[in-house]
Amino acid sequence: MKTLVLTAWMGVSVATTNADAKPALVEPVRITADAPVAIDRQTQAFIKKIALHQWYVNTVWQQYHQSVAAIKNKVGSVRDLHTQMNALIKYYQDDIDQGVRLQDSRKAIDEIYSLYGKKINKQAKVEAKQIARLQALLGVELEREENEFDELVKANLDQINADSEPAIRNASRQFANAAISLKALQGKGAWTSR
């Protein structure tokens, strides 16, 4: 009990001594309750803008894949021509398997291969050009978006902190992966068009 009273008395004497001391020459920084919230809101807005760039990159890729699928699945596409060719060949192959019109069926199959081979080669070149154009447009959009992202980061250097840094890294990684994927697609397209 005596220790408690003695400690309280010493605390009062120290507090009184410090109250009489002269104020510091440097004025302390006054932080209001609104300041940290404003910084957090700015950081959150910055992170949302980064997420918007990432969403746009995903959207551009989805549009590219949908467009390629539309090219490959339309009537008269290479896939459609292969389906038509295989159906006709199957018809004549059934005749051959049954032993009916052997010579005529073999001749018809050869003509089908010749006719559809030309059509398929011509259509493959058309599709390759269309897909190459889509890849070029994709590259332009990805490059534009990456430039806008870089400008956003440069304009918000004061918002780079522990909260926003992971979002920046993820977006940068996404742009790098997109560039690698695009080069792989373009390399594959160049290989298949030969």
Protein backbone atom coordinates (compact mmCIF):
# COMPACT_ATOMS: atom_id res chain seq x y z
CA MET A 1 0.00 0.00 0.00
CA LYS A 2 2.86 2.34 0.86
CA THR A 3 4.44 1.54 -2.50
CA LEU A 4 1.25 2.49 -4.33
CA VAL A 5 0.96 5.82 -2.52
CA LEU A 6 4.63 6.55 -3.06
CA THR A 7 4.34 5.78 -6.81
CA ALA A 8 1.26 8.01 -7.13
CA TRP A 9 3.00 10.86 -5.29
CA MET A 10 6.07 10.55 -7.58
CA GLY A 11 3.80 10.59 -10.64
CA VAL A 12 2.13 13.79 -9.48
CA SER A 13 5.48 15.47 -8.82
CA VAL A 14 6.87 14.45 -12.23
CA ALA A 15 3.71 15.68 -13.98
CA THR A 16 3.93 19.02 -12.17
CA THR A 17 7.60 19.42 -13.09
CA ASN A 18 6.90 18.70 -16.79
CA ALA A 19 3.98 21.14 -16.81
CA ASP A 20 6.34 23.95 -15.81
CA ALA A 21 8.83 23.12 -18.57
CA LYS A 22 9.14 25.39 -21.61
CA PRO A 23 7.30 24.28 -24.78
CA ALA A 24 9.35 22.72 -27.57
CA LEU A 25 10.54 25.01 -30.36
CA VAL A 26 9.09 22.72 -33.07
CA GLU A 27 5.34 22.71 -33.16
CA PRO A 28 3.97 19.16 -33.10
CA VAL A 29 2.12 17.85 -36.16
CA ARG A 30 -1.57 17.80 -35.50
CA ILE A 31 -3.32 14.87 -37.13
CA THR A 32 -7.06 15.03 -37.20
CA ALA A 33 -9.26 12.01 -37.36
CA ASP A 34 -10.14 12.87 -40.99
CA ALA A 35 -6.56 12.82 -42.34
CA PRO A 36 -5.89 9.06 -42.10
CA VAL A 37 -9.34 8.33 -43.57
CA ALA A 38 -8.65 10.64 -46.54
CA ILE A 39 -5.34 8.91 -47.21
CA ASP A 40 -7.06 5.53 -47.01
CA ARG A 41 -9.80 6.70 -49.38
CA GLN A 42 -7.22 7.96 -51.85
CA THR A 43 -5.35 4.66 -51.65
CA GLN A 44 -8.60 2.75 -52.09
CA ALA A 45 -9.49 4.86 -55.11
CA PHE A 46 -6.02 4.19 -56.55
CA ILE A 47 -6.41 0.44 -55.99
CA LYS A 48 -9.84 0.54 -57.66
CA LYS A 49 -8.34 2.27 -60.70
CA ILE A 50 -5.68 -0.44 -60.89
CA ALA A 51 -8.40 -3.11 -60.67
CA LEU A 52 -10.25 -1.37 -63.49
CA HIS A 53 -7.18 -1.70 -65.73
CA GLN A 54 -6.93 -5.40 -64.84
CA TRP A 55 -10.61 -5.90 -65.60
CA TYR A 56 -10.17 -4.21 -68.97
CA VAL A 57 -7.24 -6.50 -69.86
CA ASN A 58 -9.36 -9.55 -69.00
CA THR A 59 -12.25 -8.16 -71.05
CA VAL A 60 -10.04 -7.57 -74.09
CA TRP A 61 -8.76 -11.16 -73.89
CA GLN A 62 -12.31 -12.50 -73.59
CA GLN A 63 -13.37 -10.50 -76.63
CA TYR A 64 -10.40 -11.83 -78.58
CA HIS A 65 -11.21 -15.45 -77.70
CA GLN A 66 -14.90 -14.97 -78.55
CA SER A 67 -14.00 -13.42 -81.90
CA VAL A 68 -11.61 -16.26 -82.75
CA ALA A 69 -14.29 -18.79 -81.79
CA ALA A 70 -16.80 -16.97 -84.01
CA ILE A 71 -14.39 -17.13 -86.95
CA LYS A 72 -13.73 -20.82 -86.44
CA ASN A 73 -17.37 -21.78 -85.86
CA LYS A 74 -19.09 -19.85 -88.66
CA VAL A 75 -20.63 -21.54 -91.68
CA GLY A 76 -17.96 -22.09 -94.31
CA SER A 77 -15.08 -22.13 -91.82
CA VAL A 78 -12.28 -24.66 -91.98
CA ARG A 79 -13.98 -26.65 -89.24
CA ASP A 80 -17.29 -26.59 -91.14
CA LEU A 81 -15.60 -27.60 -94.40
CA HIS A 82 -13.88 -30.53 -92.65
CA THR A 83 -17.25 -31.63 -91.26
CA GLN A 84 -18.86 -31.47 -94.71
CA MET A 85 -15.95 -33.32 -96.31
CA ASN A 86 -15.98 -36.07 -93.67
CA ALA A 87 -19.74 -36.53 -94.04
CA LEU A 88 -19.45 -36.98 -97.82
CA ILE A 89 -16.49 -39.33 -97.48
CA LYS A 90 -18.37 -41.39 -94.91
CA TYR A 91 -21.26 -41.76 -97.33
CA TYR A 92 -18.98 -43.19 -100.04
CA GLN A 93 -16.91 -45.16 -97.52
CA ASP A 94 -20.10 -46.93 -96.41
CA ASP A 95 -20.64 -47.99 -100.03
CA ILE A 96 -17.06 -49.29 -100.20
CA ASP A 97 -17.51 -51.19 -96.92
CA GLN A 98 -20.66 -52.81 -98.29
CA GLY A 99 -18.95 -53.68 -101.56
CA VAL A 100 -21.22 -51.45 -103.66
CA ARG A 101 -19.83 -49.24 -106.48
CA LEU A 102 -16.22 -49.67 -105.34
CA GLN A 103 -14.56 -47.97 -108.28
CA ASP A 104 -17.01 -45.06 -108.43
CA SER A 105 -16.89 -44.54 -104.66
CA ARG A 106 -13.08 -44.42 -104.58
CA LYS A 107 -13.07 -41.98 -107.47
CA ALA A 108 -15.67 -39.80 -105.69
CA ILE A 109 -13.62 -39.80 -102.47
CA ASP A 110 -10.54 -38.67 -104.39
CA GLU A 111 -12.56 -35.85 -106.00
CA ILE A 112 -13.93 -34.82 -102.59
CA TYR A 113 -10.40 -34.69 -101.14
CA SER A 114 -9.23 -32.61 -104.09
CA LEU A 115 -12.18 -30.19 -104.05
CA TYR A 116 -12.38 -29.74 -100.30
CA GLY A 117 -8.59 -29.61 -99.94
CA LYS A 118 -8.51 -26.49 -102.11
CA LYS A 119 -11.46 -24.93 -100.26
CA ILE A 120 -9.94 -25.71 -96.88
CA ASN A 121 -6.54 -24.25 -97.83
CA LYS A 122 -8.17 -21.07 -99.15
CA GLN A 123 -10.39 -20.70 -96.08
CA ALA A 124 -7.46 -21.41 -93.73
CA LYS A 125 -5.55 -18.48 -95.26
CA VAL A 126 -8.57 -16.21 -94.87
CA GLU A 127 -9.04 -17.26 -91.24
CA ALA A 128 -5.33 -16.85 -90.52
CA LYS A 129 -5.47 -13.26 -91.83
CA GLN A 130 -8.57 -12.50 -89.76
CA ILE A 131 -7.01 -13.95 -86.61
CA ALA A 132 -3.73 -12.10 -87.27
CA ARG A 133 -5.72 -8.86 -87.54
CA LEU A 134 -7.46 -9.65 -84.25
CA GLN A 135 -4.07 -10.30 -82.64
CA ALA A 136 -2.76 -6.97 -83.91
CA LEU A 137 -5.80 -5.19 -82.47
CA LEU A 138 -5.35 -7.08 -79.21
CA GLY A 139 -1.71 -5.99 -79.07
CA VAL A 140 -2.65 -2.35 -79.64
CA GLU A 141 -5.28 -2.46 -76.89
CA LEU A 142 -2.95 -4.19 -74.42
CA GLU A 143 -0.15 -1.70 -75.13
CA ARG A 144 -2.50 1.27 -74.76
CA GLU A 145 -3.84 -0.09 -71.49
CA GLU A 146 -0.36 -0.74 -70.15
CA ASN A 147 0.69 2.83 -71.02
CA GLU A 148 -2.37 4.19 -69.22
CA PHE A 149 -1.55 1.99 -66.23
CA ASP A 150 2.05 3.30 -66.17
CA GLU A 151 0.74 6.88 -66.31
CA LEU A 152 -1.65 6.12 -63.45
CA VAL A 153 1.17 4.77 -61.30
CA LYS A 154 3.41 7.76 -62.09
CA ALA A 155 0.60 10.18 -61.26
CA ASN A 156 -0.05 8.44 -57.94
CA LEU A 157 3.45 7.84 -56.63
CA ASP A 158 2.38 9.29 -53.27
CA GLN A 159 -0.27 6.55 -52.99
CA ILE A 160 2.17 3.68 -53.31
CA ASN A 161 2.24 2.00 -49.93
CA ALA A 162 1.83 -1.41 -48.34
CA ASP A 163 -1.82 -1.49 -49.38
CA SER A 164 -1.43 -0.52 -53.02
CA GLU A 165 1.90 -2.20 -53.80
CA PRO A 166 0.46 -5.75 -54.14
CA ALA A 167 -2.18 -4.46 -56.58
CA ILE A 168 0.52 -2.74 -58.64
CA ARG A 169 2.63 -5.90 -58.71
CA ASN A 170 -0.36 -8.05 -59.74
CA ALA A 171 -1.28 -5.65 -62.54
CA SER A 172 2.32 -5.47 -63.75
CA ARG A 173 2.51 -9.27 -63.74
CA GLN A 174 -0.76 -9.44 -65.67
CA PHE A 175 0.59 -7.07 -68.34
CA ALA A 176 3.81 -9.09 -68.61
CA ASN A 177 1.86 -12.36 -68.94
CA ALA A 178 -0.43 -10.78 -71.52
CA ALA A 179 2.56 -9.73 -73.62
CA ILE A 180 4.07 -13.21 -73.41
CA SER A 181 0.75 -14.84 -74.33
CA LEU A 182 0.28 -12.51 -77.27
CA LYS A 183 3.76 -13.25 -78.61
CA ALA A 184 3.08 -16.97 -78.26
CA LEU A 185 -0.20 -16.58 -80.19
CA GLN A 186 1.46 -14.56 -82.93
CA GLY A 187 4.30 -17.09 -83.16
CA LYS A 188 1.80 -19.93 -83.40
CA GLY A 189 -0.14 -18.07 -86.11
CA ALA A 190 3.02 -17.47 -88.13
CA TRP A 191 3.93 -21.14 -87.84
CA THR A 192 0.50 -22.40 -88.94
CA SER A 193 0.22 -20.01 -91.91
CA ARG A 194 3.37 -21.44 -93.56
